[in-house]
PDB file of N, CA and C in Angstrom:
ATOM      1  N   UNK A   1       0.807  -1.172  -0.009  1.00  0.00           N
ATOM      2  CA  UNK A   1      -0.053   0.004   0.012  1.00  0.00           C
ATOM      3  C   UNK A   1       0.846   1.263   0.019  1.00  0.00           C
ATOM      4  N   UNK A   2       0.590   2.209  -0.865  1.00  0.00           N
ATOM      5  CA  UNK A   2       1.245   3.490  -0.899  1.00  0.00           C
ATOM      6  C   UNK A   2       0.416   4.612  -0.581  1.00  0.00           C
ATOM      7  N   UNK A   3       0.979   5.456   0.168  1.00  0.00           N
ATOM      8  CA  UNK A   3       0.163   6.728   0.552  1.00  0.00           C
ATOM      9  C   UNK A   3       1.074   7.897   0.097  1.00  0.00           C
ATOM     10  N   UNK A   4       0.368   8.790  -0.484  1.00  0.00           N
ATOM     11  CA  UNK A   4       1.042   9.963  -1.099  1.00  0.00           C
ATOM     12  C   UNK A   4       0.441  11.245  -0.546  1.00  0.00           C
ATOM     13  N   UNK A   5       1.337  12.057   0.004  1.00  0.00           N
ATOM     14  CA  UNK A   5       0.811  13.431   0.502  1.00  0.00           C
ATOM     15  C   UNK A   5       1.426  14.486  -0.368  1.00  0.00           C
ATOM     16  N   UNK A   6       0.670  15.430  -0.793  1.00  0.00           N
ATOM     17  CA  UNK A   6       1.138  16.653  -1.481  1.00  0.00           C
ATOM     18  C   UNK A   6       0.936  17.800  -0.547  1.00  0.00           C
ATOM     19  N   UNK A   7       2.063  18.447  -0.220  1.00  0.00           N
ATOM     20  CA  UNK A   7       2.034  19.535   0.691  1.00  0.00           C
ATOM     21  C   UNK A   7       2.476  20.776  -0.069  1.00  0.00           C
ATOM     22  N   UNK A   8       1.763  21.748  -0.123  1.00  0.00           N
ATOM     23  CA  UNK A   8       2.116  22.982  -0.745  1.00  0.00           C
ATOM     24  C   UNK A   8       2.481  24.006   0.324  1.00  0.00           C
ATOM     25  N   UNK A   9       3.740  24.401   0.387  1.00  0.00           N
ATOM     26  CA  UNK A   9       4.213  25.475   1.309  1.00  0.00           C
ATOM     27  C   UNK A   9       5.459  26.147   0.704  1.00  0.00           C
ATOM     28  N   UNK A  10       5.712  27.311   1.348  1.00  0.00           N
ATOM     29  CA  UNK A  10       6.897  27.925   0.872  1.00  0.00           C
ATOM     30  C   UNK A  10       8.128  27.350   1.684  1.00  0.00           C
ATOM     31  N   UNK A  11       9.325  27.665   1.210  1.00  0.00           N
ATOM     32  CA  UNK A  11      10.496  27.170   1.864  1.00  0.00           C
ATOM     33  C   UNK A  11      10.573  27.649   3.323  1.00  0.00           C
ATOM     34  N   UNK A  12      10.134  28.891   3.549  1.00  0.00           N
ATOM     35  CA  UNK A  12      10.149  29.447   4.883  1.00  0.00           C
ATOM     36  C   UNK A  12       9.167  28.578   5.829  1.00  0.00           C
ATOM     37  N   UNK A  13       7.992  28.321   5.229  1.00  0.00           N
ATOM     38  CA  UNK A  13       7.019  27.481   6.083  1.00  0.00           C
ATOM     39  C   UNK A  13       7.589  26.095   6.327  1.00  0.00           C
ATOM     40  N   UNK A  14       8.225  25.486   5.416  1.00  0.00           N
ATOM     41  CA  UNK A  14       8.758  24.174   5.557  1.00  0.00           C
ATOM     42  C   UNK A  14       9.886  24.142   6.626  1.00  0.00           C
ATOM     43  N   UNK A  15      10.762  25.229   6.593  1.00  0.00           N
ATOM     44  CA  UNK A  15      11.805  25.305   7.575  1.00  0.00           C
ATOM     45  C   UNK A  15      11.218  25.528   8.978  1.00  0.00           C
ATOM     46  N   UNK A  16      10.221  26.334   9.099  1.00  0.00           N
ATOM     47  CA  UNK A  16       9.568  26.479  10.407  1.00  0.00           C
ATOM     48  C   UNK A  16       8.921  25.275  10.873  1.00  0.00           C
ATOM     49  N   UNK A  17       8.252  24.522  10.015  1.00  0.00           N
ATOM     50  CA  UNK A  17       7.586  23.247  10.379  1.00  0.00           C
ATOM     51  C   UNK A  17       8.598  22.226  10.850  1.00  0.00           C
ATOM     52  N   UNK A  18       9.787  22.093  10.301  1.00  0.00           N
ATOM     53  CA  UNK A  18      10.768  21.132  10.669  1.00  0.00           C
ATOM     54  C   UNK A  18      11.630  21.650  11.773  1.00  0.00           C
ATOM     55  N   UNK A  19      11.510  22.912  12.134  1.00  0.00           N
ATOM     56  CA  UNK A  19      12.313  23.458  13.238  1.00  0.00           C
ATOM     57  C   UNK A  19      13.721  23.855  12.818  1.00  0.00           C
ATOM     58  N   UNK A  20      13.907  24.063  11.596  1.00  0.00           N
ATOM     59  CA  UNK A  20      15.233  24.489  11.078  1.00  0.00           C
ATOM     60  C   UNK A  20      15.442  25.996  11.226  1.00  0.00           C
ATOM     61  N   UNK A  21      16.634  26.440  11.423  1.00  0.00           N
ATOM     62  CA  UNK A  21      16.921  27.778  11.713  1.00  0.00           C
ATOM     63  C   UNK A  21      16.697  28.654  10.463  1.00  0.00           C
ATOM     64  N   UNK A  22      16.352  29.884  10.688  1.00  0.00           N
ATOM     65  CA  UNK A  22      16.170  30.838   9.508  1.00  0.00           C
ATOM     66  C   UNK A  22      17.599  31.370   9.186  1.00  0.00           C
ATOM     67  N   UNK A  23      18.147  31.038   8.107  1.00  0.00           N
ATOM     68  CA  UNK A  23      19.520  31.450   7.718  1.00  0.00           C
ATOM     69  C   UNK A  23      19.485  32.659   6.813  1.00  0.00           C
ATOM     70  N   UNK A  24      18.392  33.162   6.454  1.00  0.00           N
ATOM     71  CA  UNK A  24      18.331  34.300   5.526  1.00  0.00           C
ATOM     72  C   UNK A  24      19.045  35.553   6.022  1.00  0.00           C
ATOM     73  N   UNK A  25      18.947  35.948   7.295  1.00  0.00           N
ATOM     74  CA  UNK A  25      19.691  37.100   7.808  1.00  0.00           C
ATOM     75  C   UNK A  25      21.263  36.870   7.695  1.00  0.00           C
ATOM     76  N   UNK A  26      21.640  35.682   8.056  1.00  0.00           N
ATOM     77  CA  UNK A  26      23.066  35.382   7.914  1.00  0.00           C
ATOM     78  C   UNK A  26      23.550  35.448   6.509  1.00  0.00           C
ATOM     79  N   UNK A  27      22.779  34.854   5.603  1.00  0.00           N
ATOM     80  CA  UNK A  27      23.150  34.900   4.231  1.00  0.00           C
ATOM     81  C   UNK A  27      23.291  36.243   3.669  1.00  0.00           C
ATOM     82  N   UNK A  28      22.320  37.130   4.111  1.00  0.00           N
ATOM     83  CA  UNK A  28      22.265  38.535   3.637  1.00  0.00           C
ATOM     84  C   UNK A  28      23.511  39.318   4.194  1.00  0.00           C
ATOM     85  N   UNK A  29      23.896  39.088   5.430  1.00  0.00           N
ATOM     86  CA  UNK A  29      25.047  39.700   5.990  1.00  0.00           C
ATOM     87  C   UNK A  29      26.399  39.331   5.249  1.00  0.00           C
ATOM     88  N   UNK A  30      26.405  37.974   4.986  1.00  0.00           N
ATOM     89  CA  UNK A  30      27.596  37.446   4.216  1.00  0.00           C
ATOM     90  C   UNK A  30      27.677  38.037   2.805  1.00  0.00           C
ATOM     91  N   UNK A  31      26.511  38.119   2.101  1.00  0.00           N
ATOM     92  CA  UNK A  31      26.454  38.721   0.768  1.00  0.00           C
ATOM     93  C   UNK A  31      26.829  40.209   0.797  1.00  0.00           C
ATOM     94  N   UNK A  32      26.367  40.902   1.891  1.00  0.00           N
ATOM     95  CA  UNK A  32      26.699  42.349   2.013  1.00  0.00           C
ATOM     96  C   UNK A  32      28.225  42.487   2.151  1.00  0.00           C
ATOM     97  N   UNK A  33      28.829  41.671   3.076  1.00  0.00           N
ATOM     98  CA  UNK A  33      30.228  41.736   3.274  1.00  0.00           C
ATOM     99  C   UNK A  33      31.036  41.413   2.011  1.00  0.00           C
ATOM    100  N   UNK A  34      30.603  40.403   1.247  1.00  0.00           N
ATOM    101  CA  UNK A  34      31.229  40.024   0.043  1.00  0.00           C
ATOM    102  C   UNK A  34      31.119  41.101  -1.023  1.00  0.00           C
ATOM    103  N   UNK A  35      30.035  41.802  -1.094  1.00  0.00           N
ATOM    104  CA  UNK A  35      29.889  42.907  -2.045  1.00  0.00           C
ATOM    105  C   UNK A  35      30.795  43.970  -1.616  1.00  0.00           C
ATOM    106  N   UNK A  36      30.936  44.297  -0.395  1.00  0.00           N
ATOM    107  CA  UNK A  36      31.781  45.437   0.121  1.00  0.00           C
ATOM    108  C   UNK A  36      33.206  45.083  -0.224  1.00  0.00           C
ATOM    109  N   UNK A  37      33.673  43.820   0.085  1.00  0.00           N
ATOM    110  CA  UNK A  37      35.058  43.434  -0.131  1.00  0.00           C
ATOM    111  C   UNK A  37      35.357  43.499  -1.697  1.00  0.00           C
ATOM    112  N   UNK A  38      34.373  43.053  -2.540  1.00  0.00           N
ATOM    113  CA  UNK A  38      34.630  42.977  -3.981  1.00  0.00           C
ATOM    114  C   UNK A  38      34.800  44.404  -4.526  1.00  0.00           C
ATOM    115  N   UNK A  39      33.938  45.312  -4.043  1.00  0.00           N
ATOM    116  CA  UNK A  39      34.003  46.699  -4.445  1.00  0.00           C
ATOM    117  C   UNK A  39      35.271  47.367  -4.058  1.00  0.00           C
ATOM    118  N   UNK A  40      35.771  47.054  -2.841  1.00  0.00           N
ATOM    119  CA  UNK A  40      37.062  47.582  -2.500  1.00  0.00           C
ATOM    120  C   UNK A  40      38.238  47.097  -3.349  1.00  0.00           C
ATOM    121  N   UNK A  41      38.218  45.781  -3.630  1.00  0.00           N
ATOM    122  CA  UNK A  41      39.243  45.184  -4.386  1.00  0.00           C
ATOM    123  C   UNK A  41      39.185  45.666  -5.855  1.00  0.00           C
ATOM    124  N   UNK A  42      38.050  45.862  -6.384  1.00  0.00           N
ATOM    125  CA  UNK A  42      37.914  46.451  -7.752  1.00  0.00           C
ATOM    126  C   UNK A  42      38.473  47.825  -7.859  1.00  0.00           C
ATOM    127  N   UNK A  43      38.163  48.618  -6.873  1.00  0.00           N
ATOM    128  CA  UNK A  43      38.645  50.027  -6.827  1.00  0.00           C
ATOM    129  C   UNK A  43      40.173  50.122  -6.734  1.00  0.00           C
ATOM    130  N   UNK A  44      40.806  49.070  -6.024  1.00  0.00           N
ATOM    131  CA  UNK A  44      42.254  49.135  -5.860  1.00  0.00           C
ATOM    132  C   UNK A  44      42.973  48.495  -7.013  1.00  0.00           C
ATOM    133  N   UNK A  45      42.298  47.952  -7.960  1.00  0.00           N
ATOM    134  CA  UNK A  45      42.974  47.275  -9.008  1.00  0.00           C
ATOM    135  C   UNK A  45      43.582  48.204 -10.102  1.00  0.00           C
ATOM    136  N   UNK A  46      44.730  47.922 -10.422  1.00  0.00           N
ATOM    137  CA  UNK A  46      45.464  48.675 -11.420  1.00  0.00           C
ATOM    138  C   UNK A  46      45.410  47.902 -12.756  1.00  0.00           C
ATOM    139  N   UNK A  47      45.020  48.539 -13.800  1.00  0.00           N
ATOM    140  CA  UNK A  47      44.853  47.687 -15.162  1.00  0.00           C
ATOM    141  C   UNK A  47      46.111  46.998 -15.464  1.00  0.00           C
ATOM    142  N   UNK A  48      47.303  47.619 -15.239  1.00  0.00           N
ATOM    143  CA  UNK A  48      48.502  46.901 -15.584  1.00  0.00           C
ATOM    144  C   UNK A  48      48.708  45.596 -14.729  1.00  0.00           C
ATOM    145  N   UNK A  49      48.410  45.785 -13.471  1.00  0.00           N
ATOM    146  CA  UNK A  49      48.448  44.604 -12.540  1.00  0.00           C
ATOM    147  C   UNK A  49      47.450  43.500 -12.971  1.00  0.00           C
ATOM    148  N   UNK A  50      46.251  43.913 -13.415  1.00  0.00           N
ATOM    149  CA  UNK A  50      45.302  43.045 -13.833  1.00  0.00           C
ATOM    150  C   UNK A  50      45.723  42.204 -14.982  1.00  0.00           C
ATOM    151  N   UNK A  51      46.315  42.861 -15.967  1.00  0.00           N
ATOM    152  CA  UNK A  51      46.844  42.160 -17.194  1.00  0.00           C
ATOM    153  C   UNK A  51      47.904  41.152 -16.777  1.00  0.00           C
ATOM    154  N   UNK A  52      48.802  41.585 -15.889  1.00  0.00           N
ATOM    155  CA  UNK A  52      49.851  40.681 -15.425  1.00  0.00           C
ATOM    156  C   UNK A  52      49.308  39.454 -14.687  1.00  0.00           C
ATOM    157  N   UNK A  53      48.246  39.688 -14.016  1.00  0.00           N
ATOM    158  CA  UNK A  53      47.601  38.567 -13.361  1.00  0.00           C
ATOM    159  C   UNK A  53      46.928  37.536 -14.317  1.00  0.00           C
ATOM    160  N   UNK A  54      46.356  38.079 -15.357  1.00  0.00           N
ATOM    161  CA  UNK A  54      45.648  37.238 -16.314  1.00  0.00           C
ATOM    162  C   UNK A  54      46.639  36.543 -17.316  1.00  0.00           C
ATOM    163  N   UNK A  55      47.627  37.107 -17.614  1.00  0.00           N
ATOM    164  CA  UNK A  55      48.535  36.593 -18.638  1.00  0.00           C
ATOM    165  C   UNK A  55      49.631  35.742 -17.999  1.00  0.00           C
ATOM    166  N   UNK A  56      50.059  34.653 -18.617  1.00  0.00           N
ATOM    167  CA  UNK A  56      51.144  33.806 -18.013  1.00  0.00           C
ATOM    168  C   UNK A  56      52.392  34.575 -17.940  1.00  0.00           C
ATOM    169  N   UNK A  57      53.256  34.219 -16.990  1.00  0.00           N
ATOM    170  CA  UNK A  57      54.575  35.013 -16.831  1.00  0.00           C
ATOM    171  C   UNK A  57      55.411  34.779 -18.038  1.00  0.00           C
ATOM    172  N   UNK A  58      55.245  33.669 -18.739  1.00  0.00           N
ATOM    173  CA  UNK A  58      56.142  33.486 -19.966  1.00  0.00           C
ATOM    174  C   UNK A  58      55.963  34.474 -21.108  1.00  0.00           C
ATOM    175  N   UNK A  59      54.791  35.173 -21.089  1.00  0.00           N
ATOM    176  CA  UNK A  59      54.493  36.033 -22.184  1.00  0.00           C
ATOM    177  C   UNK A  59      55.134  37.407 -21.780  1.00  0.00           C
ATOM    178  N   UNK A  60      56.050  37.931 -22.529  1.00  0.00           N
ATOM    179  CA  UNK A  60      56.702  39.157 -22.168  1.00  0.00           C
ATOM    180  C   UNK A  60      56.077  40.382 -22.843  1.00  0.00           C
ATOM    181  N   UNK A  61      55.294  40.213 -23.811  1.00  0.00           N
ATOM    182  CA  UNK A  61      54.635  41.366 -24.457  1.00  0.00           C
ATOM    183  C   UNK A  61      53.575  40.894 -25.446  1.00  0.00           C
ATOM    184  N   UNK A  62      52.899  41.883 -26.086  1.00  0.00           N
ATOM    185  CA  UNK A  62      51.834  41.535 -26.999  1.00  0.00           C
ATOM    186  C   UNK A  62      52.435  40.846 -28.320  1.00  0.00           C
ATOM    187  N   UNK A  63      53.733  41.130 -28.585  1.00  0.00           N
ATOM    188  CA  UNK A  63      54.366  40.461 -29.719  1.00  0.00           C
ATOM    189  C   UNK A  63      54.410  38.944 -29.483  1.00  0.00           C
ATOM    190  N   UNK A  64      54.691  38.602 -28.294  1.00  0.00           N
ATOM    191  CA  UNK A  64      54.682  37.126 -27.904  1.00  0.00           C
ATOM    192  C   UNK A  64      53.344  36.522 -28.075  1.00  0.00           C
ATOM    193  N   UNK A  65      52.278  37.242 -27.652  1.00  0.00           N
ATOM    194  CA  UNK A  65      50.941  36.718 -27.851  1.00  0.00           C
ATOM    195  C   UNK A  65      50.673  36.505 -29.297  1.00  0.00           C
ATOM    196  N   UNK A  66      51.061  37.399 -30.132  1.00  0.00           N
ATOM    197  CA  UNK A  66      50.817  37.312 -31.534  1.00  0.00           C
ATOM    198  C   UNK A  66      51.593  36.082 -32.096  1.00  0.00           C
ATOM    199  N   UNK A  67      52.828  35.983 -31.726  1.00  0.00           N
ATOM    200  CA  UNK A  67      53.612  34.824 -32.227  1.00  0.00           C
ATOM    201  C   UNK A  67      52.968  33.478 -31.718  1.00  0.00           C
ATOM    202  N   UNK A  68      52.452  33.401 -30.522  1.00  0.00           N
ATOM    203  CA  UNK A  68      51.813  32.244 -30.042  1.00  0.00           C
ATOM    204  C   UNK A  68      50.488  31.979 -30.849  1.00  0.00           C
ATOM    205  N   UNK A  69      49.785  32.959 -31.181  1.00  0.00           N
ATOM    206  CA  UNK A  69      48.537  32.909 -32.002  1.00  0.00           C
ATOM    207  C   UNK A  69      48.912  32.318 -33.338  1.00  0.00           C
ATOM    208  N   UNK A  70      49.929  32.809 -34.038  1.00  0.00           N
ATOM    209  CA  UNK A  70      50.267  32.381 -35.360  1.00  0.00           C
ATOM    210  C   UNK A  70      50.858  30.929 -35.267  1.00  0.00           C
ATOM    211  N   UNK A  71      51.573  30.591 -34.212  1.00  0.00           N
ATOM    212  CA  UNK A  71      52.074  29.249 -33.975  1.00  0.00           C
ATOM    213  C   UNK A  71      50.878  28.237 -33.852  1.00  0.00           C
ATOM    214  N   UNK A  72      49.843  28.613 -33.140  1.00  0.00           N
ATOM    215  CA  UNK A  72      48.667  27.739 -32.958  1.00  0.00           C
ATOM    216  C   UNK A  72      48.000  27.635 -34.296  1.00  0.00           C
ATOM    217  N   UNK A  73      47.942  28.562 -35.125  1.00  0.00           N
ATOM    218  CA  UNK A  73      47.273  28.503 -36.453  1.00  0.00           C
ATOM    219  C   UNK A  73      48.130  27.722 -37.451  1.00  0.00           C
ATOM    220  N   UNK A  74      49.408  27.311 -37.063  1.00  0.00           N
ATOM    221  CA  UNK A  74      50.163  26.593 -37.987  1.00  0.00           C
ATOM    222  C   UNK A  74      50.751  27.485 -39.105  1.00  0.00           C
ATOM    223  N   UNK A  75      50.842  28.756 -38.945  1.00  0.00           N
ATOM    224  CA  UNK A  75      51.279  29.622 -39.972  1.00  0.00           C
ATOM    225  C   UNK A  75      52.498  30.433 -39.494  1.00  0.00           C
ATOM    226  N   UNK A  76      53.208  30.925 -40.372  1.00  0.00           N
ATOM    227  CA  UNK A  76      54.366  31.775 -39.988  1.00  0.00           C
ATOM    228  C   UNK A  76      53.740  33.210 -39.780  1.00  0.00           C
ATOM    229  N   UNK A  77      54.252  33.953 -38.769  1.00  0.00           N
ATOM    230  CA  UNK A  77      53.835  35.259 -38.496  1.00  0.00           C
ATOM    231  C   UNK A  77      54.133  36.224 -39.667  1.00  0.00           C
ATOM    232  N   UNK A  78      53.225  37.039 -40.002  1.00  0.00           N
ATOM    233  CA  UNK A  78      53.562  37.986 -41.111  1.00  0.00           C
ATOM    234  C   UNK A  78      54.607  38.937 -40.687  1.00  0.00           C
ATOM    235  N   UNK A  79      55.448  39.403 -41.529  1.00  0.00           N
ATOM    236  CA  UNK A  79      56.500  40.376 -41.275  1.00  0.00           C
ATOM    237  C   UNK A  79      55.917  41.781 -41.169  1.00  0.00           C
ATOM    238  N   UNK A  80      56.160  42.414 -40.078  1.00  0.00           N
ATOM    239  CA  UNK A  80      55.792  43.867 -39.947  1.00  0.00           C
ATOM    240  C   UNK A  80      57.026  44.648 -39.796  1.00  0.00           C
ATOM    241  N   UNK A  81      56.821  45.947 -39.640  1.00  0.00           N
ATOM    242  CA  UNK A  81      57.963  46.834 -39.468  1.00  0.00           C
ATOM    243  C   UNK A  81      58.723  46.543 -38.214  1.00  0.00           C
ATOM    244  N   UNK A  82      58.053  46.114 -37.109  1.00  0.00           N
ATOM    245  CA  UNK A  82      58.779  45.905 -35.894  1.00  0.00           C
ATOM    246  C   UNK A  82      59.512  44.539 -35.931  1.00  0.00           C
ATOM    247  N   UNK A  83      59.081  43.597 -36.710  1.00  0.00           N
ATOM    248  CA  UNK A  83      59.647  42.230 -36.727  1.00  0.00           C
ATOM    249  C   UNK A  83      60.495  41.919 -37.896  1.00  0.00           C
ATOM    250  N   UNK A  84      60.890  42.899 -38.679  1.00  0.00           N
ATOM    251  CA  UNK A  84      61.671  42.586 -39.981  1.00  0.00           C
ATOM    252  C   UNK A  84      63.076  42.173 -39.593  1.00  0.00           C
ATOM    253  N   UNK A  85      63.666  42.476 -38.473  1.00  0.00           N
ATOM    254  CA  UNK A  85      64.930  42.129 -38.216  1.00  0.00           C
ATOM    255  C   UNK A  85      65.149  40.678 -37.699  1.00  0.00           C
ATOM    256  N   UNK A  86      64.072  40.011 -37.529  1.00  0.00           N
ATOM    257  CA  UNK A  86      64.155  38.652 -37.047  1.00  0.00           C
ATOM    258  C   UNK A  86      64.297  37.593 -38.132  1.00  0.00           C
TER     259      UNK A  86
END
């Protein structure tokens, strides 16, 4: 024999029924703290430092990025005014 109950209630009502704590205020405080810290960190970021963080240390400049791109494409990099002496 199977018995099936369908209960319609909100998450808050279910939490109260089962005696679980209300964690919404704690979550809101944590999210507010996280938002504050992220805003502080974003304001203190220097664009140059951001690029250094994102790019690997082995890349010394945008010329290296271009060379890596052409190497991945299986092509030789086109000769430009800056790279003619190579």
